[in-house]
Amino acid sequence: MPSNRMENHLLGALSEAECERLRPHLEAVDMPLGEVVYESGGSLDYVYFPVTSIVSLLYVLENGSSAEIAVVGNDGVVGISIFMGGESTPSRAVVQSAGRALRLAAPVMKAEFTRGGSMQHLMLRYTQALITQMAQTAVCNRHHSVDQQLCRWLLLSLDRLSTPQLSMTQELIANMLGVRREGVTEAAGKLQKAGVISYRRGQIKVLDRARLEGMSCECYEVVRRETMRLLAPTAPG
């Protein structure tokens, strides 16, 4: 198993016995920006444990428009339908922030999950946390302003990276949020003018995390608290 195993919180929370079984099967892979990890309805051959990358789960409509329903980083795993029994999913997974991940072949993941133990319990708790994020995202997109949605999105993304900086165009953010690019431009401009972020040539850097949290809606805190409640007991110390 690669030495960066602990950088993914789920893998880092497994027992020593489970780590030993997985060690020969985990493969470090590059996750370039914009790469499609899996398509809607397609079969999944691997699960991915992001280490320095972030993957967006998107729902794509028939007309081609899309909106993000969840974001996965070093807190989680991409491809839950493999061990939940669904085999495929109507969502699309796309790399939102380039980096690296550890991938595990589907048969190995299924076998380890079926064993029970901490792997199964951990994956089920993570799935509950992911469902909470999806539900809260739907509520946020329906009831809160683009300004608040942007703040929530930035905070969720930053929580899953080891740096306060994101490489992200406004057009891509608009696609993730399912809003017009002009709305994101205006919202980002307000945050920059307030000294909360700096934005230059696709690079977003958070300058004032506390104010960013204060300007976000309650949706971010709901997701953060539930994720901590479900995963903190087995997270690496």
C-alpha atoms as a PDB file:
ATOM      1  CA  MET A   1       0.000   0.000   0.000  1.00  0.00           C
ATOM      2  CA  PRO A   2       1.416   3.444  -0.860  1.00  0.00           C
ATOM      3  CA  SER A   3       2.788   5.520   2.007  1.00  0.00           C
ATOM      4  CA  ASN A   4       0.125   8.216   1.468  1.00  0.00           C
ATOM      5  CA  ARG A   5      -2.649   5.868   2.639  1.00  0.00           C
ATOM      6  CA  MET A   6      -3.275   7.919   5.786  1.00  0.00           C
ATOM      7  CA  GLU A   7      -3.993  11.014   3.715  1.00  0.00           C
ATOM      8  CA  ASN A   8      -7.380   9.549   2.838  1.00  0.00           C
ATOM      9  CA  HIS A   9      -9.352   9.576   6.062  1.00  0.00           C
ATOM     10  CA  LEU A  10     -11.396   6.471   5.336  1.00  0.00           C
ATOM     11  CA  LEU A  11      -8.388   4.307   4.549  1.00  0.00           C
ATOM     12  CA  GLY A  12      -6.540   5.762   7.495  1.00  0.00           C
ATOM     13  CA  ALA A  13      -9.338   4.635   9.824  1.00  0.00           C
ATOM     14  CA  LEU A  14      -9.189   0.950   8.880  1.00  0.00           C
ATOM     15  CA  SER A  15      -7.785  -1.751  11.150  1.00  0.00           C
ATOM     16  CA  GLU A  16      -4.277  -3.077  10.644  1.00  0.00           C
ATOM     17  CA  ALA A  17      -5.645  -6.411   9.426  1.00  0.00           C
ATOM     18  CA  GLU A  18      -7.771  -4.690   6.773  1.00  0.00           C
ATOM     19  CA  CYS A  19      -4.838  -2.543   5.701  1.00  0.00           C
ATOM     20  CA  GLU A  20      -2.700  -5.638   5.227  1.00  0.00           C
ATOM     21  CA  ARG A  21      -5.346  -7.282   3.032  1.00  0.00           C
ATOM     22  CA  LEU A  22      -5.749  -4.150   0.898  1.00  0.00           C
ATOM     23  CA  ARG A  23      -2.045  -3.281   0.626  1.00  0.00           C
ATOM     24  CA  PRO A  24      -1.295  -5.316  -2.533  1.00  0.00           C
ATOM     25  CA  HIS A  25      -4.429  -4.079  -4.305  1.00  0.00           C
ATOM     26  CA  LEU A  26      -4.338  -0.294  -3.830  1.00  0.00           C
ATOM     27  CA  GLU A  27      -2.932   1.596  -6.814  1.00  0.00           C
ATOM     28  CA  ALA A  28      -1.906   5.263  -6.841  1.00  0.00           C
ATOM     29  CA  VAL A  29      -3.312   7.075  -9.892  1.00  0.00           C
ATOM     30  CA  ASP A  30      -3.288  10.614 -11.267  1.00  0.00           C
ATOM     31  CA  MET A  31      -6.629  12.432 -11.385  1.00  0.00           C
ATOM     32  CA  PRO A  32      -6.337  15.189 -14.038  1.00  0.00           C
ATOM     33  CA  LEU A  33      -8.771  18.116 -14.007  1.00  0.00           C
ATOM     34  CA  GLY A  34     -11.974  17.346 -15.898  1.00  0.00           C
ATOM     35  CA  GLU A  35     -11.424  13.597 -16.139  1.00  0.00           C
ATOM     36  CA  VAL A  36     -14.665  11.607 -16.039  1.00  0.00           C
ATOM     37  CA  VAL A  37     -14.272   8.896 -13.401  1.00  0.00           C
ATOM     38  CA  TYR A  38     -17.553   7.273 -14.389  1.00  0.00           C
ATOM     39  CA  GLU A  39     -20.565   8.143 -16.538  1.00  0.00           C
ATOM     40  CA  SER A  40     -24.254   7.988 -15.729  1.00  0.00           C
ATOM     41  CA  GLY A  41     -25.502   4.407 -15.991  1.00  0.00           C
ATOM     42  CA  GLY A  42     -22.061   2.987 -16.677  1.00  0.00           C
ATOM     43  CA  SER A  43     -20.517   0.053 -14.852  1.00  0.00           C
ATOM     44  CA  LEU A  44     -17.866   0.817 -12.250  1.00  0.00           C
ATOM     45  CA  ASP A  45     -14.618  -1.160 -12.272  1.00  0.00           C
ATOM     46  CA  TYR A  46     -12.967   0.625  -9.344  1.00  0.00           C
ATOM     47  CA  VAL A  47     -13.629   2.664  -6.250  1.00  0.00           C
ATOM     48  CA  TYR A  48     -11.416   5.732  -5.817  1.00  0.00           C
ATOM     49  CA  PHE A  49     -10.115   7.131  -2.537  1.00  0.00           C
ATOM     50  CA  PRO A  50      -9.022  10.731  -3.298  1.00  0.00           C
ATOM     51  CA  VAL A  51      -5.827  11.886  -1.616  1.00  0.00           C
ATOM     52  CA  THR A  52      -5.036  15.311  -3.096  1.00  0.00           C
ATOM     53  CA  SER A  53      -7.841  15.473  -5.684  1.00  0.00           C
ATOM     54  CA  ILE A  54     -11.537  16.379  -5.434  1.00  0.00           C
ATOM     55  CA  VAL A  55     -14.277  14.633  -7.417  1.00  0.00           C
ATOM     56  CA  SER A  56     -17.698  16.151  -8.079  1.00  0.00           C
ATOM     57  CA  LEU A  57     -20.776  13.971  -8.374  1.00  0.00           C
ATOM     58  CA  LEU A  58     -23.069  15.545 -10.978  1.00  0.00           C
ATOM     59  CA  TYR A  59     -26.580  14.856 -12.156  1.00  0.00           C
ATOM     60  CA  VAL A  60     -26.874  15.423 -15.905  1.00  0.00           C
ATOM     61  CA  LEU A  61     -30.197  16.239 -17.591  1.00  0.00           C
ATOM     62  CA  GLU A  62     -31.256  15.123 -21.074  1.00  0.00           C
ATOM     63  CA  ASN A  63     -30.473  18.570 -22.495  1.00  0.00           C
ATOM     64  CA  GLY A  64     -26.873  18.308 -21.270  1.00  0.00           C
ATOM     65  CA  SER A  65     -27.117  20.736 -18.351  1.00  0.00           C
ATOM     66  CA  SER A  66     -25.839  19.516 -15.003  1.00  0.00           C
ATOM     67  CA  ALA A  67     -25.602  20.365 -11.324  1.00  0.00           C
ATOM     68  CA  GLU A  68     -23.383  19.069  -8.562  1.00  0.00           C
ATOM     69  CA  ILE A  69     -25.066  16.900  -5.956  1.00  0.00           C
ATOM     70  CA  ALA A  70     -22.007  16.138  -3.798  1.00  0.00           C
ATOM     71  CA  VAL A  71     -18.254  16.588  -3.568  1.00  0.00           C
ATOM     72  CA  VAL A  72     -15.759  13.904  -2.504  1.00  0.00           C
ATOM     73  CA  GLY A  73     -12.186  14.500  -1.410  1.00  0.00           C
ATOM     74  CA  ASN A  74      -9.754  13.042   1.109  1.00  0.00           C
ATOM     75  CA  ASP A  75     -12.731  12.460   3.395  1.00  0.00           C
ATOM     76  CA  GLY A  76     -14.322   9.746   1.304  1.00  0.00           C
ATOM     77  CA  VAL A  77     -14.641   7.350  -1.594  1.00  0.00           C
ATOM     78  CA  VAL A  78     -16.016   7.563  -5.133  1.00  0.00           C
ATOM     79  CA  GLY A  79     -18.092   4.618  -6.354  1.00  0.00           C
ATOM     80  CA  ILE A  80     -20.340   3.665  -3.427  1.00  0.00           C
ATOM     81  CA  SER A  81     -22.738   1.798  -5.744  1.00  0.00           C
ATOM     82  CA  ILE A  82     -20.116  -0.984  -5.983  1.00  0.00           C
ATOM     83  CA  PHE A  83     -20.456  -1.993  -2.338  1.00  0.00           C
ATOM     84  CA  MET A  84     -24.056  -0.827  -1.861  1.00  0.00           C
ATOM     85  CA  GLY A  85     -25.211  -3.330  -4.492  1.00  0.00           C
ATOM     86  CA  GLY A  86     -26.480  -0.961  -7.172  1.00  0.00           C
ATOM     87  CA  GLU A  87     -23.576  -1.605  -9.568  1.00  0.00           C
ATOM     88  CA  SER A  88     -24.296   1.644 -11.482  1.00  0.00           C
ATOM     89  CA  THR A  89     -25.612   5.129 -10.718  1.00  0.00           C
ATOM     90  CA  PRO A  90     -27.474   7.877 -12.630  1.00  0.00           C
ATOM     91  CA  SER A  91     -24.846  10.453 -11.634  1.00  0.00           C
ATOM     92  CA  ARG A  92     -21.545  11.345 -13.307  1.00  0.00           C
ATOM     93  CA  ALA A  93     -18.255  11.685 -11.421  1.00  0.00           C
ATOM     94  CA  VAL A  94     -15.802  14.328 -12.687  1.00  0.00           C
ATOM     95  CA  VAL A  95     -12.462  15.481 -11.260  1.00  0.00           C
ATOM     96  CA  GLN A  96     -13.031  19.004  -9.968  1.00  0.00           C
ATOM     97  CA  SER A  97      -9.540  19.601  -8.558  1.00  0.00           C
ATOM     98  CA  ALA A  98      -6.564  17.749 -10.014  1.00  0.00           C
ATOM     99  CA  GLY A  99      -4.398  15.561  -7.827  1.00  0.00           C
ATOM    100  CA  ARG A 100      -3.974  11.923  -6.936  1.00  0.00           C
ATOM    101  CA  ALA A 101      -6.111   9.091  -5.616  1.00  0.00           C
ATOM    102  CA  LEU A 102      -5.823   5.479  -4.593  1.00  0.00           C
ATOM    103  CA  ARG A 103      -8.032   3.081  -6.508  1.00  0.00           C
ATOM    104  CA  LEU A 104      -9.233  -0.383  -5.616  1.00  0.00           C
ATOM    105  CA  ALA A 105     -10.723  -2.936  -8.017  1.00  0.00           C
ATOM    106  CA  ALA A 106     -14.446  -3.558  -7.564  1.00  0.00           C
ATOM    107  CA  PRO A 107     -14.176  -7.292  -6.723  1.00  0.00           C
ATOM    108  CA  VAL A 108     -11.651  -6.558  -3.945  1.00  0.00           C
ATOM    109  CA  MET A 109     -13.866  -3.815  -2.512  1.00  0.00           C
ATOM    110  CA  LYS A 110     -16.939  -6.067  -2.579  1.00  0.00           C
ATOM    111  CA  ALA A 111     -15.108  -8.903  -0.870  1.00  0.00           C
ATOM    112  CA  GLU A 112     -13.764  -6.660   1.890  1.00  0.00           C
ATOM    113  CA  PHE A 113     -17.163  -5.047   2.441  1.00  0.00           C
ATOM    114  CA  THR A 114     -18.854  -8.465   2.649  1.00  0.00           C
ATOM    115  CA  ARG A 115     -16.421  -9.532   5.379  1.00  0.00           C
ATOM    116  CA  GLY A 116     -18.069  -7.048   7.729  1.00  0.00           C
ATOM    117  CA  GLY A 117     -15.813  -5.504  10.334  1.00  0.00           C
ATOM    118  CA  SER A 118     -14.674  -1.882  10.409  1.00  0.00           C
ATOM    119  CA  MET A 119     -14.557  -1.568   6.606  1.00  0.00           C
ATOM    120  CA  GLN A 120     -18.270  -2.290   6.247  1.00  0.00           C
ATOM    121  CA  HIS A 121     -19.272  -0.109   9.185  1.00  0.00           C
ATOM    122  CA  LEU A 122     -17.099   2.767   7.994  1.00  0.00           C
ATOM    123  CA  MET A 123     -18.433   2.633   4.432  1.00  0.00           C
ATOM    124  CA  LEU A 124     -22.026   2.599   5.648  1.00  0.00           C
ATOM    125  CA  ARG A 125     -21.422   5.620   7.883  1.00  0.00           C
ATOM    126  CA  TYR A 126     -19.714   7.435   5.024  1.00  0.00           C
ATOM    127  CA  THR A 127     -22.661   6.663   2.734  1.00  0.00           C
ATOM    128  CA  GLN A 128     -25.017   8.207   5.297  1.00  0.00           C
ATOM    129  CA  ALA A 129     -22.825  11.325   5.423  1.00  0.00           C
ATOM    130  CA  LEU A 130     -22.844  11.495   1.620  1.00  0.00           C
ATOM    131  CA  ILE A 131     -26.651  11.212   1.537  1.00  0.00           C
ATOM    132  CA  THR A 132     -26.844  14.103   3.999  1.00  0.00           C
ATOM    133  CA  GLN A 133     -24.616  16.210   1.738  1.00  0.00           C
ATOM    134  CA  MET A 134     -26.775  15.407  -1.300  1.00  0.00           C
ATOM    135  CA  ALA A 135     -30.007  16.266   0.520  1.00  0.00           C
ATOM    136  CA  GLN A 136     -28.603  19.503   1.916  1.00  0.00           C
ATOM    137  CA  THR A 137     -27.261  20.495  -1.505  1.00  0.00           C
ATOM    138  CA  ALA A 138     -30.739  20.068  -2.995  1.00  0.00           C
ATOM    139  CA  VAL A 139     -32.254  22.258  -0.270  1.00  0.00           C
ATOM    140  CA  CYS A 140     -29.515  24.871  -0.660  1.00  0.00           C
ATOM    141  CA  ASN A 141     -29.904  25.081  -4.437  1.00  0.00           C
ATOM    142  CA  ARG A 142     -33.644  25.607  -4.035  1.00  0.00           C
ATOM    143  CA  HIS A 143     -33.789  28.081  -1.156  1.00  0.00           C
ATOM    144  CA  HIS A 144     -30.515  30.005  -0.882  1.00  0.00           C
ATOM    145  CA  SER A 145     -28.861  32.721  -2.947  1.00  0.00           C
ATOM    146  CA  VAL A 146     -25.998  32.150  -5.376  1.00  0.00           C
ATOM    147  CA  ASP A 147     -23.782  34.074  -2.934  1.00  0.00           C
ATOM    148  CA  GLN A 148     -24.566  31.590  -0.154  1.00  0.00           C
ATOM    149  CA  GLN A 149     -24.257  28.594  -2.468  1.00  0.00           C
ATOM    150  CA  LEU A 150     -20.806  29.742  -3.572  1.00  0.00           C
ATOM    151  CA  CYS A 151     -19.660  30.122   0.034  1.00  0.00           C
ATOM    152  CA  ARG A 152     -20.965  26.648   0.899  1.00  0.00           C
ATOM    153  CA  TRP A 153     -19.298  25.162  -2.163  1.00  0.00           C
ATOM    154  CA  LEU A 154     -15.937  26.796  -1.421  1.00  0.00           C
ATOM    155  CA  LEU A 155     -15.996  25.622   2.194  1.00  0.00           C
ATOM    156  CA  LEU A 156     -16.908  22.029   1.333  1.00  0.00           C
ATOM    157  CA  SER A 157     -14.151  21.936  -1.278  1.00  0.00           C
ATOM    158  CA  LEU A 158     -11.540  23.433   1.041  1.00  0.00           C
ATOM    159  CA  ASP A 159     -12.369  20.945   3.785  1.00  0.00           C
ATOM    160  CA  ARG A 160     -11.318  18.199   1.383  1.00  0.00           C
ATOM    161  CA  LEU A 161      -7.969  19.746   0.411  1.00  0.00           C
ATOM    162  CA  SER A 162      -4.751  20.412   2.326  1.00  0.00           C
ATOM    163  CA  THR A 163      -4.392  23.912   0.853  1.00  0.00           C
ATOM    164  CA  PRO A 164      -6.527  27.095   1.075  1.00  0.00           C
ATOM    165  CA  GLN A 165      -6.313  27.521  -2.706  1.00  0.00           C
ATOM    166  CA  LEU A 166      -8.458  26.121  -5.524  1.00  0.00           C
ATOM    167  CA  SER A 167      -7.765  26.018  -9.246  1.00  0.00           C
ATOM    168  CA  MET A 168     -11.198  26.664 -10.675  1.00  0.00           C
ATOM    169  CA  THR A 169     -12.737  28.802 -13.424  1.00  0.00           C
ATOM    170  CA  GLN A 170     -15.980  30.674 -12.858  1.00  0.00           C
ATOM    171  CA  GLU A 171     -17.543  28.782 -15.743  1.00  0.00           C
ATOM    172  CA  LEU A 172     -16.795  25.457 -14.071  1.00  0.00           C
ATOM    173  CA  ILE A 173     -18.180  26.696 -10.747  1.00  0.00           C
ATOM    174  CA  ALA A 174     -21.358  27.803 -12.522  1.00  0.00           C
ATOM    175  CA  ASN A 175     -21.711  24.343 -14.062  1.00  0.00           C
ATOM    176  CA  MET A 176     -21.252  22.744 -10.643  1.00  0.00           C
ATOM    177  CA  LEU A 177     -23.862  24.950  -9.010  1.00  0.00           C
ATOM    178  CA  GLY A 178     -26.234  24.797 -11.970  1.00  0.00           C
ATOM    179  CA  VAL A 179     -26.454  28.592 -12.238  1.00  0.00           C
ATOM    180  CA  ARG A 180     -25.506  31.228 -14.811  1.00  0.00           C
ATOM    181  CA  ARG A 181     -21.868  32.236 -15.024  1.00  0.00           C
ATOM    182  CA  GLU A 182     -22.839  35.886 -14.512  1.00  0.00           C
ATOM    183  CA  GLY A 183     -24.244  34.977 -11.098  1.00  0.00           C
ATOM    184  CA  VAL A 184     -20.994  33.335 -10.038  1.00  0.00           C
ATOM    185  CA  THR A 185     -18.971  36.285 -11.366  1.00  0.00           C
ATOM    186  CA  GLU A 186     -21.047  38.703  -9.288  1.00  0.00           C
ATOM    187  CA  ALA A 187     -20.903  36.533  -6.160  1.00  0.00           C
ATOM    188  CA  ALA A 188     -17.129  35.987  -6.451  1.00  0.00           C
ATOM    189  CA  GLY A 189     -16.663  39.716  -7.021  1.00  0.00           C
ATOM    190  CA  LYS A 190     -18.473  40.490  -3.761  1.00  0.00           C
ATOM    191  CA  LEU A 191     -16.279  38.056  -1.834  1.00  0.00           C
ATOM    192  CA  GLN A 192     -13.125  39.509  -3.359  1.00  0.00           C
ATOM    193  CA  LYS A 193     -14.182  43.091  -2.669  1.00  0.00           C
ATOM    194  CA  ALA A 194     -14.892  42.133   0.946  1.00  0.00           C
ATOM    195  CA  GLY A 195     -11.386  40.684   1.270  1.00  0.00           C
ATOM    196  CA  VAL A 196     -12.674  37.144   1.867  1.00  0.00           C
ATOM    197  CA  ILE A 197     -11.060  35.603  -1.229  1.00  0.00           C
ATOM    198  CA  SER A 198      -8.632  36.540  -3.950  1.00  0.00           C
ATOM    199  CA  TYR A 199      -9.406  35.423  -7.479  1.00  0.00           C
ATOM    200  CA  ARG A 200      -6.920  35.628 -10.330  1.00  0.00           C
ATOM    201  CA  ARG A 201      -6.616  33.596 -13.517  1.00  0.00           C
ATOM    202  CA  GLY A 202      -8.627  30.656 -12.263  1.00  0.00           C
ATOM    203  CA  GLN A 203      -6.918  30.585  -8.853  1.00  0.00           C
ATOM    204  CA  ILE A 204      -9.188  31.107  -5.843  1.00  0.00           C
ATOM    205  CA  LYS A 205      -7.483  31.638  -2.477  1.00  0.00           C
ATOM    206  CA  VAL A 206      -9.399  32.029   0.759  1.00  0.00           C
ATOM    207  CA  LEU A 207      -8.056  34.934   2.789  1.00  0.00           C
ATOM    208  CA  ASP A 208     -10.595  34.974   5.633  1.00  0.00           C
ATOM    209  CA  ARG A 209     -12.042  31.566   6.462  1.00  0.00           C
ATOM    210  CA  ALA A 210     -14.067  32.819   9.445  1.00  0.00           C
ATOM    211  CA  ARG A 211     -15.879  35.448   7.374  1.00  0.00           C
ATOM    212  CA  LEU A 212     -16.497  32.942   4.586  1.00  0.00           C
ATOM    213  CA  GLU A 213     -18.212  30.657   7.092  1.00  0.00           C
ATOM    214  CA  GLY A 214     -20.219  33.607   8.411  1.00  0.00           C
ATOM    215  CA  MET A 215     -21.437  34.497   4.909  1.00  0.00           C
ATOM    216  CA  SER A 216     -22.472  30.916   4.094  1.00  0.00           C
ATOM    217  CA  CYS A 217     -25.927  29.520   4.795  1.00  0.00           C
ATOM    218  CA  GLU A 218     -26.538  26.891   7.483  1.00  0.00           C
ATOM    219  CA  CYS A 219     -26.190  24.108   4.896  1.00  0.00           C
ATOM    220  CA  TYR A 220     -22.410  23.985   5.198  1.00  0.00           C
ATOM    221  CA  GLU A 221     -22.516  23.586   8.971  1.00  0.00           C
ATOM    222  CA  VAL A 222     -25.185  20.873   8.771  1.00  0.00           C
ATOM    223  CA  VAL A 223     -23.027  18.815   6.407  1.00  0.00           C
ATOM    224  CA  ARG A 224     -19.847  19.451   8.418  1.00  0.00           C
ATOM    225  CA  ARG A 225     -21.423  18.440  11.726  1.00  0.00           C
ATOM    226  CA  GLU A 226     -23.003  15.275  10.331  1.00  0.00           C
ATOM    227  CA  THR A 227     -19.779  14.226   8.617  1.00  0.00           C
ATOM    228  CA  MET A 228     -17.834  14.714  11.842  1.00  0.00           C
ATOM    229  CA  ARG A 229     -20.476  12.875  13.881  1.00  0.00           C
ATOM    230  CA  LEU A 230     -20.437   9.858  11.585  1.00  0.00           C
ATOM    231  CA  LEU A 231     -16.740   9.635  10.770  1.00  0.00           C
ATOM    232  CA  ALA A 232     -14.787  11.307  13.585  1.00  0.00           C
ATOM    233  CA  PRO A 233     -14.941   8.289  15.965  1.00  0.00           C
ATOM    234  CA  THR A 234     -12.813   6.235  13.562  1.00  0.00           C
ATOM    235  CA  ALA A 235     -10.842   9.043  11.924  1.00  0.00           C
ATOM    236  CA  PRO A 236      -7.077   8.971  12.331  1.00  0.00           C
ATOM    237  CA  GLY A 237      -5.842  10.771  15.373  1.00  0.00           C
END
